Amino acid sequence: MTEPLPRGAAARNPSMADVAQRAGVSHQTVSRVLNDSPLVKDATRERVLAAIQELGYRRNNAARMLATNRSGRIGMISAHLALHGPSMIAAAVQAAGHEAGYQVSVIGLLEISEVSLRDAVERLLDQAVEAIVVAVAHRDAVHLVRGLSLPIPVVLVQGVRPGEPMAAGIDQHAGALLATEHLLDLGHRGVAHVSGPLDWIEATQRRLGWREAHEARDLLPGPEVEGDWSAASGYDAGLRIGHHDEVTAVFVANDAMALGVLRALHECGRRVPEDVSVVGFDNVPEAAYYWPALSSVDQQFSDLGRQAVDLTVRALAGEDEPEAALLRPELVVRASSAAPRR
């Protein structure tokens, strides 16, 4: 039978001492459980965790920071969180941070500017973050991030170059090659492209992969239309491409635009994939339920989140400018791509 809490304990937040009393252990044992010490026996650990659950104890992070001179918090700056890629990256970093024992504070930029970026940095420094992960693939923002001089590690995610230190990324160029080569291998010639806005580094990387896939086979690429990542811009691009009867395949730089392209091709009387094959990028969960189901490049955002946090932890442990290889995406082939009609 457990002992009752001291008088007045119910009127305040439970303390570590309350947990120790409820579990029948020392204050030090509770501390060891909270810090995942291997010195605690399993039965004792379970008893302490049960007491924490019963009392609703929450660790005092402010006190922990004073005792360890560490906040246990990573900051993250992102932009365009309404889009699938940025939102998935933010969620992946938060999940990986939690697995590594860190809380992650995310600040979303409403605009891309030096003022907004520096304001976000200052807000995170005010929270005593130990490191900052920046996931903003806009060309100007990446340039600003690379010029930051901060007393804590800064890890860049998105828009990164192969071999770049303190940077985690997915190989956008390789993903575009996969998509375009898939269509060329099926027998299409002169694949059209709907790009993202070309002030985004990842849009230019995907565009380069599309062009190089044609150059490697001594083929001229099909028509190119620039979009803005939205389904509406994909629809407009699809209407323009749909009137080119010679176009039998389109590589679209993200799945939202691909959805608009599918609608536009339907309205132009071009069947997918019988008349025109379509491949997207991102492999959003809905891609399997487009009509027809969309072939798309999967970016494995969860792996990217773990890689970004791993670089962060390695830098905090004292490693000088740790590096990580770019993650290689995978092509998921579905019903929207097929060999052209002869």
Protein backbone atom coordinates (compact mmCIF):
# COMPACT_ATOMS: atom_id res chain seq x y z
CA MET A 1 0.00 0.00 0.00
CA THR A 2 1.42 3.39 -1.05
CA GLU A 3 1.75 6.20 1.45
CA PRO A 4 -0.41 9.32 1.03
CA LEU A 5 1.19 12.49 -0.28
CA PRO A 6 2.28 15.11 2.22
CA ARG A 7 -0.41 17.62 3.24
CA GLY A 8 -0.84 20.26 0.57
CA ALA A 9 0.82 18.22 -2.19
CA ALA A 10 -2.41 18.01 -4.17
CA ALA A 11 -2.58 21.81 -4.36
CA ARG A 12 0.75 22.09 -6.20
CA ASN A 13 2.54 20.34 -9.01
CA PRO A 14 4.00 17.02 -7.82
CA SER A 15 7.75 17.10 -7.25
CA MET A 16 10.50 14.54 -7.68
CA ALA A 17 10.35 14.02 -3.91
CA ASP A 18 6.66 13.13 -4.21
CA VAL A 19 7.50 10.57 -6.88
CA ALA A 20 10.26 9.11 -4.71
CA GLN A 21 7.90 8.79 -1.74
CA ARG A 22 5.14 7.19 -3.83
CA ALA A 23 7.55 4.68 -5.38
CA GLY A 24 9.40 4.00 -2.12
CA VAL A 25 12.79 4.92 -3.57
CA SER A 26 15.36 7.65 -3.14
CA HIS A 27 15.38 11.01 -4.92
CA GLN A 28 18.56 9.87 -6.69
CA THR A 29 16.83 6.77 -8.07
CA VAL A 30 14.05 8.89 -9.55
CA SER A 31 16.68 11.12 -11.16
CA ARG A 32 18.41 8.08 -12.62
CA VAL A 33 15.15 6.82 -14.12
CA LEU A 34 14.45 10.22 -15.66
CA ASN A 35 17.94 10.22 -17.20
CA ASP A 36 17.65 6.63 -18.50
CA SER A 37 20.50 5.37 -16.33
CA PRO A 38 21.35 1.68 -16.84
CA LEU A 39 22.05 1.38 -13.11
CA VAL A 40 18.35 1.08 -12.23
CA LYS A 41 16.79 -2.39 -12.00
CA ASP A 42 13.84 -3.02 -14.30
CA ALA A 43 11.39 -3.60 -11.47
CA THR A 44 12.45 -0.37 -9.75
CA ARG A 45 12.23 1.56 -13.02
CA GLU A 46 8.69 0.29 -13.62
CA ARG A 47 7.68 1.31 -10.08
CA VAL A 48 9.05 4.83 -10.56
CA LEU A 49 7.40 5.21 -13.97
CA ALA A 50 4.10 4.05 -12.49
CA ALA A 51 4.41 6.67 -9.74
CA ILE A 52 5.16 9.36 -12.33
CA GLN A 53 2.03 8.33 -14.25
CA GLU A 54 -0.17 8.23 -11.14
CA LEU A 55 0.96 11.64 -9.89
CA GLY A 56 1.07 13.35 -13.27
CA TYR A 57 4.62 14.45 -12.57
CA ARG A 58 6.21 16.69 -15.22
CA ARG A 59 9.91 17.34 -15.25
CA ASN A 60 10.97 20.90 -14.45
CA ASN A 61 12.98 21.72 -17.55
CA ALA A 62 14.00 25.12 -16.22
CA ALA A 63 15.60 23.48 -13.19
CA ARG A 64 17.20 20.88 -15.41
CA MET A 65 18.74 23.61 -17.56
CA LEU A 66 20.18 25.33 -14.50
CA ALA A 67 21.67 22.09 -13.25
CA THR A 68 23.15 20.92 -16.56
CA ASN A 69 23.63 24.18 -18.46
CA ARG A 70 21.68 22.52 -21.28
CA SER A 71 18.11 23.21 -22.37
CA GLY A 72 17.43 19.92 -24.14
CA ARG A 73 15.85 21.96 -26.92
CA ILE A 74 16.57 22.26 -30.65
CA GLY A 75 15.23 25.13 -32.69
CA MET A 76 13.89 24.77 -36.22
CA ILE A 77 13.14 27.42 -38.83
CA SER A 78 10.91 26.45 -41.72
CA ALA A 79 8.85 28.13 -44.42
CA HIS A 80 5.83 27.29 -46.55
CA LEU A 81 4.52 24.86 -43.93
CA ALA A 82 1.25 24.59 -45.84
CA LEU A 83 3.11 22.61 -48.53
CA HIS A 84 3.58 18.86 -48.18
CA GLY A 85 7.39 18.72 -48.27
CA PRO A 86 8.14 21.44 -45.68
CA SER A 87 5.41 20.21 -43.33
CA MET A 88 6.66 16.61 -43.52
CA ILE A 89 10.24 17.69 -42.88
CA ALA A 90 9.19 19.70 -39.82
CA ALA A 91 7.22 16.73 -38.47
CA ALA A 92 10.14 14.37 -39.17
CA VAL A 93 12.64 16.59 -37.34
CA GLN A 94 10.28 16.89 -34.37
CA ALA A 95 9.82 13.11 -34.20
CA ALA A 96 13.55 12.42 -34.53
CA GLY A 97 14.35 15.08 -31.95
CA HIS A 98 11.95 13.46 -29.50
CA GLU A 99 13.60 10.06 -30.07
CA ALA A 100 16.96 11.66 -29.31
CA GLY A 101 15.66 13.24 -26.09
CA TYR A 102 15.17 16.79 -27.37
CA GLN A 103 12.22 19.09 -27.61
CA VAL A 104 11.97 20.92 -30.94
CA SER A 105 10.70 24.49 -31.22
CA VAL A 106 9.51 25.26 -34.76
CA ILE A 107 9.18 28.78 -36.16
CA GLY A 108 7.50 29.15 -39.54
CA LEU A 109 8.56 32.10 -41.69
CA LEU A 110 5.72 34.11 -43.17
CA GLU A 111 8.10 35.69 -45.68
CA ILE A 112 11.61 35.00 -46.94
CA SER A 113 13.81 37.93 -45.97
CA GLU A 114 16.93 38.68 -43.95
CA VAL A 115 14.81 40.48 -41.35
CA SER A 116 12.39 37.58 -40.86
CA LEU A 117 15.21 35.02 -40.73
CA ARG A 118 17.23 36.96 -38.16
CA ASP A 119 14.10 37.58 -36.10
CA ALA A 120 13.42 33.82 -36.05
CA VAL A 121 17.01 33.14 -34.98
CA GLU A 122 16.75 35.66 -32.14
CA ARG A 123 13.48 34.16 -30.92
CA LEU A 124 15.06 30.71 -30.79
CA LEU A 125 18.19 31.98 -29.03
CA ASP A 126 15.89 33.54 -26.42
CA GLN A 127 14.62 30.00 -25.76
CA ALA A 128 18.22 28.86 -25.11
CA VAL A 129 18.14 26.28 -27.92
CA GLU A 130 21.30 24.22 -28.21
CA ALA A 131 21.25 24.12 -32.03
CA ILE A 132 19.13 25.29 -34.95
CA VAL A 133 17.91 23.30 -37.95
CA VAL A 134 16.96 25.45 -40.94
CA ALA A 135 14.67 23.99 -43.61
CA VAL A 136 14.10 26.77 -46.14
CA ALA A 137 14.88 25.76 -49.72
CA HIS A 138 14.56 29.24 -51.19
CA ARG A 139 17.81 30.39 -52.84
CA ASP A 140 18.04 33.72 -50.98
CA ALA A 141 17.29 32.13 -47.60
CA VAL A 142 19.93 29.41 -48.03
CA HIS A 143 22.48 32.09 -48.91
CA LEU A 144 21.59 33.99 -45.72
CA VAL A 145 21.78 30.84 -43.59
CA ARG A 146 25.24 29.99 -44.89
CA GLY A 147 26.34 33.48 -43.82
CA LEU A 148 25.09 33.15 -40.24
CA SER A 149 27.69 33.27 -37.49
CA LEU A 150 26.15 31.85 -34.32
CA PRO A 151 27.56 30.45 -31.06
CA ILE A 152 25.58 27.21 -31.56
CA PRO A 153 25.52 24.63 -34.38
CA VAL A 154 23.33 25.35 -37.42
CA VAL A 155 22.24 22.42 -39.61
CA LEU A 156 20.81 23.12 -43.05
CA VAL A 157 18.06 20.92 -44.48
CA GLN A 158 16.88 21.22 -48.11
CA GLY A 159 18.68 22.94 -50.94
CA VAL A 160 22.00 21.38 -49.97
CA ARG A 161 24.99 20.31 -52.05
CA PRO A 162 26.69 16.89 -52.00
CA GLY A 163 29.50 16.79 -49.44
CA GLU A 164 28.38 19.99 -47.70
CA PRO A 165 29.13 19.89 -43.94
CA MET A 166 26.37 20.49 -41.39
CA ALA A 167 23.75 19.78 -44.06
CA ALA A 168 21.16 17.03 -44.54
CA GLY A 169 19.25 16.56 -47.73
CA ILE A 170 17.58 14.36 -50.29
CA ASP A 171 19.18 14.08 -53.72
CA GLN A 172 16.70 16.04 -55.82
CA HIS A 173 18.79 15.66 -58.97
CA ALA A 174 18.78 11.87 -58.59
CA GLY A 175 15.02 11.88 -58.03
CA ALA A 176 14.41 13.82 -61.23
CA LEU A 177 16.69 11.43 -63.12
CA LEU A 178 14.68 8.48 -61.79
CA ALA A 179 11.39 10.01 -62.92
CA THR A 180 12.58 11.10 -66.35
CA GLU A 181 14.57 7.94 -67.10
CA HIS A 182 11.53 5.86 -66.15
CA LEU A 183 9.51 7.65 -68.84
CA LEU A 184 12.31 7.44 -71.40
CA ASP A 185 12.82 3.74 -70.65
CA LEU A 186 9.13 3.20 -71.42
CA GLY A 187 9.78 4.59 -74.89
CA HIS A 188 8.73 8.23 -74.56
CA ARG A 189 10.86 10.88 -76.28
CA GLY A 190 11.00 14.54 -75.37
CA VAL A 191 9.41 14.39 -71.90
CA ALA A 192 7.73 17.68 -70.94
CA HIS A 193 8.35 19.26 -67.54
CA VAL A 194 6.29 21.35 -65.12
CA SER A 195 8.88 22.87 -62.79
CA GLY A 196 8.51 24.50 -59.42
CA PRO A 197 9.38 28.19 -59.00
CA LEU A 198 13.00 28.48 -60.08
CA ASP A 199 14.06 30.65 -57.14
CA TRP A 200 13.68 27.44 -55.11
CA ILE A 201 16.91 25.43 -55.15
CA GLU A 202 15.10 22.10 -55.23
CA ALA A 203 13.07 23.17 -58.27
CA THR A 204 16.28 23.95 -60.17
CA GLN A 205 17.87 20.67 -59.04
CA ARG A 206 14.88 18.68 -60.32
CA ARG A 207 14.88 20.65 -63.58
CA LEU A 208 18.58 19.89 -64.06
CA GLY A 209 17.99 16.16 -63.58
CA TRP A 210 15.19 16.25 -66.18
CA ARG A 211 17.44 17.98 -68.71
CA GLU A 212 20.45 15.73 -68.07
CA ALA A 213 18.38 12.58 -68.54
CA HIS A 214 17.65 13.77 -72.09
CA GLU A 215 21.22 14.89 -72.76
CA ALA A 216 22.56 11.47 -71.75
CA ARG A 217 20.46 9.94 -74.56
CA ASP A 218 21.05 12.73 -77.06
CA LEU A 219 17.36 13.67 -76.95
CA LEU A 220 15.71 17.08 -76.92
CA PRO A 221 13.42 17.60 -73.90
CA GLY A 222 9.78 18.44 -74.36
CA PRO A 223 8.19 21.79 -73.53
CA GLU A 224 8.75 23.28 -70.07
CA VAL A 225 6.31 25.33 -68.00
CA GLU A 226 7.11 26.93 -64.63
CA GLY A 227 4.56 26.49 -61.84
CA ASP A 228 4.37 27.67 -58.22
CA TRP A 229 3.89 24.26 -56.50
CA SER A 230 0.07 24.64 -56.46
CA ALA A 231 -2.51 22.43 -58.15
CA ALA A 232 -3.89 25.55 -59.87
CA SER A 233 -0.53 26.28 -61.52
CA GLY A 234 -0.28 22.63 -62.54
CA TYR A 235 -3.71 22.89 -64.12
CA ASP A 236 -2.66 25.95 -66.13
CA ALA A 237 0.54 24.20 -67.21
CA GLY A 238 -1.41 21.08 -68.14
CA LEU A 239 -3.71 23.08 -70.41
CA ARG A 240 -0.68 24.47 -72.25
CA ILE A 241 1.06 21.10 -72.53
CA GLY A 242 -2.14 19.26 -73.41
CA HIS A 243 -2.41 21.09 -76.73
CA HIS A 244 0.99 19.73 -77.84
CA ASP A 245 -0.11 16.51 -79.53
CA GLU A 246 3.50 15.33 -79.81
CA VAL A 247 3.88 15.28 -76.00
CA THR A 248 3.34 11.77 -74.64
CA ALA A 249 4.86 12.17 -71.14
CA VAL A 250 5.19 14.83 -68.44
CA PHE A 251 7.46 14.96 -65.39
CA VAL A 252 5.88 17.26 -62.79
CA ALA A 253 8.02 18.70 -59.97
CA ASN A 254 5.50 17.94 -57.22
CA ASP A 255 2.31 15.96 -56.74
CA ALA A 256 0.06 18.96 -56.09
CA MET A 257 0.88 20.35 -59.54
CA ALA A 258 0.54 16.83 -60.99
CA LEU A 259 -3.04 16.75 -59.73
CA GLY A 260 -3.77 19.92 -61.72
CA VAL A 261 -2.02 18.47 -64.78
CA LEU A 262 -4.21 15.35 -64.63
CA ARG A 263 -7.36 17.49 -64.54
CA ALA A 264 -6.18 19.66 -67.44
CA LEU A 265 -5.22 16.70 -69.63
CA HIS A 266 -8.65 15.19 -69.03
CA GLU A 267 -10.30 18.42 -70.14
CA CYS A 268 -8.08 18.48 -73.26
CA GLY A 269 -9.28 15.01 -74.17
CA ARG A 270 -5.87 13.43 -73.48
CA ARG A 271 -6.16 10.14 -71.61
CA VAL A 272 -3.64 9.18 -68.89
CA PRO A 273 -1.65 7.04 -69.43
CA GLU A 274 -2.95 5.96 -72.86
CA ASP A 275 -2.15 9.32 -74.51
CA VAL A 276 0.09 11.00 -71.92
CA SER A 277 2.03 9.49 -69.02
CA VAL A 278 2.48 11.60 -65.86
CA VAL A 279 5.04 11.24 -63.06
CA GLY A 280 5.05 13.49 -59.98
CA PHE A 281 7.40 14.15 -57.07
CA ASP A 282 6.87 13.78 -53.28
CA ASN A 283 4.63 10.69 -53.22
CA VAL A 284 2.00 12.35 -51.05
CA PRO A 285 -0.33 9.90 -49.27
CA GLU A 286 -3.14 10.86 -51.66
CA ALA A 287 -1.08 10.02 -54.78
CA ALA A 288 -2.23 6.40 -54.70
CA TYR A 289 -5.84 7.65 -54.91
CA TYR A 290 -5.49 10.12 -57.80
CA TRP A 291 -7.22 9.01 -60.99
CA PRO A 292 -5.27 7.29 -62.31
CA ALA A 293 -3.00 6.47 -59.37
CA LEU A 294 0.08 8.68 -59.70
CA SER A 295 3.63 7.43 -60.25
CA SER A 296 5.80 9.61 -58.02
CA VAL A 297 9.22 10.05 -56.44
CA ASP A 298 9.23 9.20 -52.72
CA GLN A 299 11.53 11.42 -50.62
CA GLN A 300 11.53 9.43 -47.34
CA PHE A 301 11.16 12.46 -45.11
CA SER A 302 11.40 10.44 -41.89
CA ASP A 303 14.96 9.43 -42.81
CA LEU A 304 15.78 13.07 -43.51
CA GLY A 305 14.54 14.11 -40.07
CA ARG A 306 16.69 11.47 -38.38
CA GLN A 307 19.71 12.51 -40.43
CA ALA A 308 19.27 16.20 -39.53
CA VAL A 309 18.99 15.41 -35.82
CA ASP A 310 21.93 12.99 -36.01
CA LEU A 311 24.13 15.76 -37.46
CA THR A 312 22.91 18.09 -34.72
CA VAL A 313 23.70 15.62 -31.94
CA ARG A 314 27.13 14.88 -33.41
CA ALA A 315 27.94 18.60 -33.57
CA LEU A 316 26.76 19.09 -29.97
CA ALA A 317 29.00 16.19 -28.93
CA GLY A 318 32.00 18.08 -30.29
CA GLU A 319 32.44 16.66 -33.80
CA ASP A 320 33.81 19.35 -36.10
CA GLU A 321 31.43 20.03 -39.02
CA PRO A 322 29.95 16.51 -39.40
CA GLU A 323 28.80 15.45 -42.85
CA ALA A 324 26.15 13.07 -44.19
CA ALA A 325 25.59 11.71 -47.69
CA LEU A 326 22.50 12.91 -49.51
CA LEU A 327 19.62 10.47 -49.15
CA ARG A 328 18.58 8.78 -52.36
CA PRO A 329 14.86 8.94 -53.21
CA GLU A 330 12.87 6.07 -54.69
CA LEU A 331 10.43 5.96 -57.60
CA VAL A 332 7.00 4.49 -56.89
CA VAL A 333 5.45 3.34 -60.16
CA ARG A 334 1.67 3.37 -60.42
CA ALA A 335 -0.97 3.50 -63.16
CA SER A 336 -0.26 7.01 -64.51
CA SER A 337 2.84 5.95 -66.48
CA ALA A 338 2.97 3.46 -69.32
CA ALA A 339 4.59 2.88 -72.71
CA PRO A 340 3.41 5.25 -75.45
CA ARG A 341 0.97 4.03 -78.07
CA ARG A 342 2.64 3.09 -81.34
